[in-house]
C-alpha cells in the first residue's frame, strides 16, 4: 500500500505542475502539456481506485 500512496502523491504533484504550465509556451508545447495532463490524471485515478480496492480487503 505504501507504493500506491507514493504514486498517488507523485501523480497529484505532476498534475499540479502540468496545470501550472497551461498557457505557457508554444502551441506544440501546450499540446504536449494537455496530453501529459490527461494521461497523468488517468494514472492518478487508477492509483486511487487501486488504493480503495486494497483498503477494502
C-alpha atoms as a PDB file:
ATOM      1  CA  UNK A   1       0.000   0.000   0.000  1.00  0.00           C
ATOM      2  CA  UNK A   2       2.936   2.349   0.636  1.00  0.00           C
ATOM      3  CA  UNK A   3       3.980   2.205  -3.021  1.00  0.00           C
ATOM      4  CA  UNK A   4       0.463   3.103  -4.166  1.00  0.00           C
ATOM      5  CA  UNK A   5       0.378   6.014  -1.715  1.00  0.00           C
ATOM      6  CA  UNK A   6       3.655   7.310  -3.095  1.00  0.00           C
ATOM      7  CA  UNK A   7       2.307   7.039  -6.634  1.00  0.00           C
ATOM      8  CA  UNK A   8      -0.817   8.977  -5.667  1.00  0.00           C
ATOM      9  CA  UNK A   9       1.327  11.739  -4.180  1.00  0.00           C
ATOM     10  CA  UNK A  10       3.667  11.832  -7.192  1.00  0.00           C
ATOM     11  CA  UNK A  11       0.832  11.910  -9.717  1.00  0.00           C
ATOM     12  CA  UNK A  12      -1.029  14.577  -7.743  1.00  0.00           C
ATOM     13  CA  UNK A  13       2.095  16.740  -7.835  1.00  0.00           C
ATOM     14  CA  UNK A  14       2.628  16.064 -11.534  1.00  0.00           C
ATOM     15  CA  UNK A  15      -0.954  17.088 -12.374  1.00  0.00           C
ATOM     16  CA  UNK A  16      -0.483  20.304 -10.388  1.00  0.00           C
ATOM     17  CA  UNK A  17       2.791  21.038 -12.198  1.00  0.00           C
ATOM     18  CA  UNK A  18       1.212  20.377 -15.588  1.00  0.00           C
ATOM     19  CA  UNK A  19      -1.744  22.605 -14.738  1.00  0.00           C
ATOM     20  CA  UNK A  20       0.720  25.369 -13.855  1.00  0.00           C
ATOM     21  CA  UNK A  21       2.169  25.070 -17.372  1.00  0.00           C
ATOM     22  CA  UNK A  22      -1.145  25.695 -19.107  1.00  0.00           C
ATOM     23  CA  UNK A  23      -0.902  28.796 -21.243  1.00  0.00           C
ATOM     24  CA  UNK A  24       2.906  28.802 -21.211  1.00  0.00           C
ATOM     25  CA  UNK A  25       4.950  28.229 -24.336  1.00  0.00           C
ATOM     26  CA  UNK A  26       4.164  27.398 -27.918  1.00  0.00           C
ATOM     27  CA  UNK A  27       1.086  25.653 -29.271  1.00  0.00           C
ATOM     28  CA  UNK A  28       3.138  22.488 -29.669  1.00  0.00           C
ATOM     29  CA  UNK A  29       4.185  22.643 -26.028  1.00  0.00           C
ATOM     30  CA  UNK A  30       0.580  23.211 -24.990  1.00  0.00           C
ATOM     31  CA  UNK A  31      -0.454  20.119 -26.945  1.00  0.00           C
ATOM     32  CA  UNK A  32       2.147  18.063 -25.091  1.00  0.00           C
ATOM     33  CA  UNK A  33       1.114  19.544 -21.722  1.00  0.00           C
ATOM     34  CA  UNK A  34      -2.539  18.766 -22.435  1.00  0.00           C
ATOM     35  CA  UNK A  35      -1.787  15.158 -23.402  1.00  0.00           C
ATOM     36  CA  UNK A  36       0.501  14.677 -20.412  1.00  0.00           C
ATOM     37  CA  UNK A  37      -2.069  16.127 -18.017  1.00  0.00           C
ATOM     38  CA  UNK A  38      -4.751  13.821 -19.400  1.00  0.00           C
ATOM     39  CA  UNK A  39      -2.557  10.718 -19.123  1.00  0.00           C
ATOM     40  CA  UNK A  40      -1.309  11.650 -15.653  1.00  0.00           C
ATOM     41  CA  UNK A  41      -4.832  12.339 -14.397  1.00  0.00           C
ATOM     42  CA  UNK A  42      -5.893   8.946 -15.725  1.00  0.00           C
ATOM     43  CA  UNK A  43      -2.988   7.250 -13.933  1.00  0.00           C
ATOM     44  CA  UNK A  44      -3.883   9.140 -10.741  1.00  0.00           C
ATOM     45  CA  UNK A  45      -7.471   7.909 -10.927  1.00  0.00           C
ATOM     46  CA  UNK A  46      -6.276   4.325 -11.433  1.00  0.00           C
ATOM     47  CA  UNK A  47      -3.917   4.612  -8.455  1.00  0.00           C
ATOM     48  CA  UNK A  48      -6.720   5.960  -6.264  1.00  0.00           C
ATOM     49  CA  UNK A  49      -9.031   3.161  -7.407  1.00  0.00           C
ATOM     50  CA  UNK A  50      -6.344   0.600  -6.597  1.00  0.00           C
ATOM     51  CA  UNK A  51      -5.808   2.136  -3.156  1.00  0.00           C
ATOM     52  CA  UNK A  52      -9.550   1.863  -2.483  1.00  0.00           C
ATOM     53  CA  UNK A  53      -9.555  -1.770  -3.577  1.00  0.00           C
ATOM     54  CA  UNK A  54      -6.578  -2.591  -1.363  1.00  0.00           C
ATOM     55  CA  UNK A  55      -8.017  -0.829   1.669  1.00  0.00           C
ATOM     56  CA  UNK A  56     -11.336  -2.673   1.380  1.00  0.00           C
ATOM     57  CA  UNK A  57      -9.672  -6.096   1.659  1.00  0.00           C
END
